[in-house]
């Protein structure tokens, strides 16, 4: 099974960049967990440097991925700058890593195709510790500028769209076709058979069982001789059989 190592940047005592009432460590964790869920749906084994708000140093993050023999390493971050006009998306691979550059391009392209961003800052190379010390193709994606008001709205409100795009880029790089999540149809939701006892009558009716609660239509009770009425938005059932 293919292994992907996801590294949500910062955590614990290290909040990362802060701006517009957001903290980098919260965004990176939320997005990484969503990416992981999507990848798992595609039968990809997912490992994380952290899954809660804890601090993990840089070298141990790379070592975890190396020891797990992960196929790719993706570190998730957000950007910041003292000039609030700076904005956009950029993705880094380790200097000289051809496969890392290919992974960076796949993720960058996927995020841009989602049309979440107004500025493409490009695919770059760097010697960041987590990607420099990882032995597999590794990238660090800077999702947007937390210091920019428009980018911060993306980070706050479109985390699922970001995660889907990152996951699509990873899957493309791995040669795995992305499959849309199947939405349960209305017909499928109504296929539950609800069995219950009503004044000594054993009844069966199609309804929905959700959150340990049975939801059933009530009009069928009229066919059984019961009177249904509404008062102030409340359903009233007269349990005396209508003669």
Foldseek 3Di string as FASTA:
>chain_A
DAEEEEEQPFFDPGQDDDAPNDTFSVLSLVLRVLLVVQVVVLVYHYHYPDNHRDGDDQQVSQVVCQVVVHQEYEYETAAADPPQVDKDKEKEAAPPDPLLQLLRVLLLVLLVVLVLTDDHPYYYYDCPRNRVSHPHRYMYIHQMYRSHPSRVCCSVPVSNVSSVSNSRSNCVSVVGDRDDDDDQDPVNQQADWDWDADPNDTDIATFGQDPNDTDGDDPVVVVVQWDWDDDPNDIDIHSPGHD
